[in-house]
Amino acid sequence: ALEAERQPFTPRTVTGTEDFESMLDLVRARGWAADVEETWEGVAAVAAPIHDRRRMPVGAVAVTGAVERVCADGELRPELIAAVRDCARAVSRDLGAGRF
């Protein structure tokens, strides 16, 4: 199958197939995703999936904002990552997903 070439939004957009697959593996392993100026310059985000009782992803929770507010020292603020993950887990539990 032919793969469509991914077009970058900013110089930080991940476009290479191997890099993209590696990023997806990391997201799956840690349970949350980051976007630090990959979609928009000056904007960062952290997101975590919401699962239903069958453990199927049915939505997501995210925080998006200016890099200088969402990041500290070039990295996403750990307290925002924790808050997003905790919120996604709480909603997932409400939907019957059980403990994570």
C-alpha atoms as a PDB file:
ATOM      1  CA  ALA A   1       0.000   0.000   0.000  1.00  0.00           C
ATOM      2  CA  LEU A   2       1.214   3.477  -0.795  1.00  0.00           C
ATOM      3  CA  GLU A   3       1.615   5.777   2.146  1.00  0.00           C
ATOM      4  CA  ALA A   4       0.700   9.419   1.834  1.00  0.00           C
ATOM      5  CA  GLU A   5       3.542  11.782   2.541  1.00  0.00           C
ATOM      6  CA  ARG A   6       2.960  13.695   5.764  1.00  0.00           C
ATOM      7  CA  GLN A   7       3.162  17.440   5.310  1.00  0.00           C
ATOM      8  CA  PRO A   8       4.827  19.427   8.112  1.00  0.00           C
ATOM      9  CA  PHE A   9       2.932  22.227   9.850  1.00  0.00           C
ATOM     10  CA  THR A  10       6.093  23.556  11.536  1.00  0.00           C
ATOM     11  CA  PRO A  11       9.791  22.597  11.503  1.00  0.00           C
ATOM     12  CA  ARG A  12       9.061  20.344  14.527  1.00  0.00           C
ATOM     13  CA  THR A  13       6.296  18.283  12.881  1.00  0.00           C
ATOM     14  CA  VAL A  14       7.163  14.568  12.792  1.00  0.00           C
ATOM     15  CA  THR A  15       6.781  13.432   9.171  1.00  0.00           C
ATOM     16  CA  GLY A  16       9.079  10.432   8.681  1.00  0.00           C
ATOM     17  CA  THR A  17       7.310   7.050   8.829  1.00  0.00           C
ATOM     18  CA  GLU A  18       9.830   5.460  11.213  1.00  0.00           C
ATOM     19  CA  ASP A  19       9.886   8.522  13.479  1.00  0.00           C
ATOM     20  CA  PHE A  20       6.080   8.638  13.465  1.00  0.00           C
ATOM     21  CA  GLU A  21       5.794   4.923  14.345  1.00  0.00           C
ATOM     22  CA  SER A  22       8.338   5.372  17.159  1.00  0.00           C
ATOM     23  CA  MET A  23       6.352   8.318  18.496  1.00  0.00           C
ATOM     24  CA  LEU A  24       3.131   6.257  18.457  1.00  0.00           C
ATOM     25  CA  ASP A  25       4.888   3.455  20.361  1.00  0.00           C
ATOM     26  CA  LEU A  26       6.033   5.965  22.988  1.00  0.00           C
ATOM     27  CA  VAL A  27       2.520   7.453  23.292  1.00  0.00           C
ATOM     28  CA  ARG A  28       1.009   3.978  23.774  1.00  0.00           C
ATOM     29  CA  ALA A  29       3.626   3.022  26.365  1.00  0.00           C
ATOM     30  CA  ARG A  30       3.334   6.136  28.529  1.00  0.00           C
ATOM     31  CA  GLY A  31      -0.402   6.689  28.074  1.00  0.00           C
ATOM     32  CA  TRP A  32      -0.309  10.323  26.920  1.00  0.00           C
ATOM     33  CA  ALA A  33       0.695  12.378  23.903  1.00  0.00           C
ATOM     34  CA  ALA A  34       2.591  15.635  23.551  1.00  0.00           C
ATOM     35  CA  ASP A  35       2.607  18.343  20.912  1.00  0.00           C
ATOM     36  CA  VAL A  36       5.237  20.995  21.499  1.00  0.00           C
ATOM     37  CA  GLU A  37       5.144  23.329  18.506  1.00  0.00           C
ATOM     38  CA  GLU A  38       4.511  20.419  16.100  1.00  0.00           C
ATOM     39  CA  THR A  39       1.187  21.811  14.870  1.00  0.00           C
ATOM     40  CA  TRP A  40       1.469  25.535  15.657  1.00  0.00           C
ATOM     41  CA  GLU A  41       4.504  27.635  16.524  1.00  0.00           C
ATOM     42  CA  GLY A  42       4.297  28.861  20.099  1.00  0.00           C
ATOM     43  CA  VAL A  43       1.619  26.322  21.120  1.00  0.00           C
ATOM     44  CA  ALA A  44       2.008  23.143  23.189  1.00  0.00           C
ATOM     45  CA  ALA A  45      -0.453  20.469  24.290  1.00  0.00           C
ATOM     46  CA  VAL A  46      -0.709  17.270  26.311  1.00  0.00           C
ATOM     47  CA  ALA A  47      -3.523  14.745  25.808  1.00  0.00           C
ATOM     48  CA  ALA A  48      -4.617  11.387  27.217  1.00  0.00           C
ATOM     49  CA  PRO A  49      -7.211   8.930  25.900  1.00  0.00           C
ATOM     50  CA  ILE A  50     -10.582   8.121  27.455  1.00  0.00           C
ATOM     51  CA  HIS A  51     -11.530   4.430  27.279  1.00  0.00           C
ATOM     52  CA  ASP A  52     -14.899   2.733  27.601  1.00  0.00           C
ATOM     53  CA  ARG A  53     -15.678  -0.473  29.507  1.00  0.00           C
ATOM     54  CA  ARG A  54     -14.240  -2.548  26.624  1.00  0.00           C
ATOM     55  CA  ARG A  55     -11.004  -0.542  26.896  1.00  0.00           C
ATOM     56  CA  MET A  56     -11.689   1.004  23.493  1.00  0.00           C
ATOM     57  CA  PRO A  57     -10.643   4.647  23.056  1.00  0.00           C
ATOM     58  CA  VAL A  58     -13.756   6.821  22.820  1.00  0.00           C
ATOM     59  CA  GLY A  59     -12.332  10.313  23.354  1.00  0.00           C
ATOM     60  CA  ALA A  60      -9.522  12.321  24.869  1.00  0.00           C
ATOM     61  CA  VAL A  61      -8.748  15.017  27.404  1.00  0.00           C
ATOM     62  CA  ALA A  62      -6.220  17.695  26.496  1.00  0.00           C
ATOM     63  CA  VAL A  63      -4.697  20.919  27.721  1.00  0.00           C
ATOM     64  CA  THR A  64      -3.437  23.303  25.054  1.00  0.00           C
ATOM     65  CA  GLY A  65      -1.799  26.669  25.518  1.00  0.00           C
ATOM     66  CA  ALA A  66       1.129  28.943  24.913  1.00  0.00           C
ATOM     67  CA  VAL A  67       4.467  27.141  25.170  1.00  0.00           C
ATOM     68  CA  GLU A  68       5.628  29.452  27.957  1.00  0.00           C
ATOM     69  CA  ARG A  69       2.606  28.439  30.074  1.00  0.00           C
ATOM     70  CA  VAL A  70       2.367  24.728  29.229  1.00  0.00           C
ATOM     71  CA  CYS A  71       6.105  24.044  29.279  1.00  0.00           C
ATOM     72  CA  ALA A  72       8.941  24.710  31.708  1.00  0.00           C
ATOM     73  CA  ASP A  73      12.583  24.447  30.618  1.00  0.00           C
ATOM     74  CA  GLY A  74      11.496  23.173  27.203  1.00  0.00           C
ATOM     75  CA  GLU A  75       9.462  20.258  28.579  1.00  0.00           C
ATOM     76  CA  LEU A  76       5.757  19.859  29.288  1.00  0.00           C
ATOM     77  CA  ARG A  77       5.001  20.732  32.908  1.00  0.00           C
ATOM     78  CA  PRO A  78       4.747  17.448  34.864  1.00  0.00           C
ATOM     79  CA  GLU A  79       1.765  18.700  36.875  1.00  0.00           C
ATOM     80  CA  LEU A  80      -0.199  19.267  33.636  1.00  0.00           C
ATOM     81  CA  ILE A  81       0.657  15.785  32.387  1.00  0.00           C
ATOM     82  CA  ALA A  82      -0.503  14.313  35.712  1.00  0.00           C
ATOM     83  CA  ALA A  83      -3.725  16.354  35.699  1.00  0.00           C
ATOM     84  CA  VAL A  84      -4.615  15.326  32.133  1.00  0.00           C
ATOM     85  CA  ARG A  85      -3.866  11.649  32.818  1.00  0.00           C
ATOM     86  CA  ASP A  86      -5.822  11.687  36.091  1.00  0.00           C
ATOM     87  CA  CYS A  87      -8.808  13.333  34.403  1.00  0.00           C
ATOM     88  CA  ALA A  88      -8.796  10.847  31.499  1.00  0.00           C
ATOM     89  CA  ARG A  89      -8.562   7.931  33.934  1.00  0.00           C
ATOM     90  CA  ALA A  90     -11.427   9.289  36.061  1.00  0.00           C
ATOM     91  CA  VAL A  91     -13.694   9.692  33.021  1.00  0.00           C
ATOM     92  CA  SER A  92     -12.679   6.235  31.789  1.00  0.00           C
ATOM     93  CA  ARG A  93     -13.564   4.728  35.182  1.00  0.00           C
ATOM     94  CA  ASP A  94     -16.935   6.520  35.042  1.00  0.00           C
ATOM     95  CA  LEU A  95     -17.493   4.802  31.688  1.00  0.00           C
ATOM     96  CA  GLY A  96     -16.686   1.426  33.261  1.00  0.00           C
ATOM     97  CA  ALA A  97     -13.102   0.988  32.073  1.00  0.00           C
ATOM     98  CA  GLY A  98     -11.941  -0.256  35.477  1.00  0.00           C
ATOM     99  CA  ARG A  99      -8.593   0.461  37.074  1.00  0.00           C
ATOM    100  CA  PHE A 100      -5.523   1.431  35.054  1.00  0.00           C
END
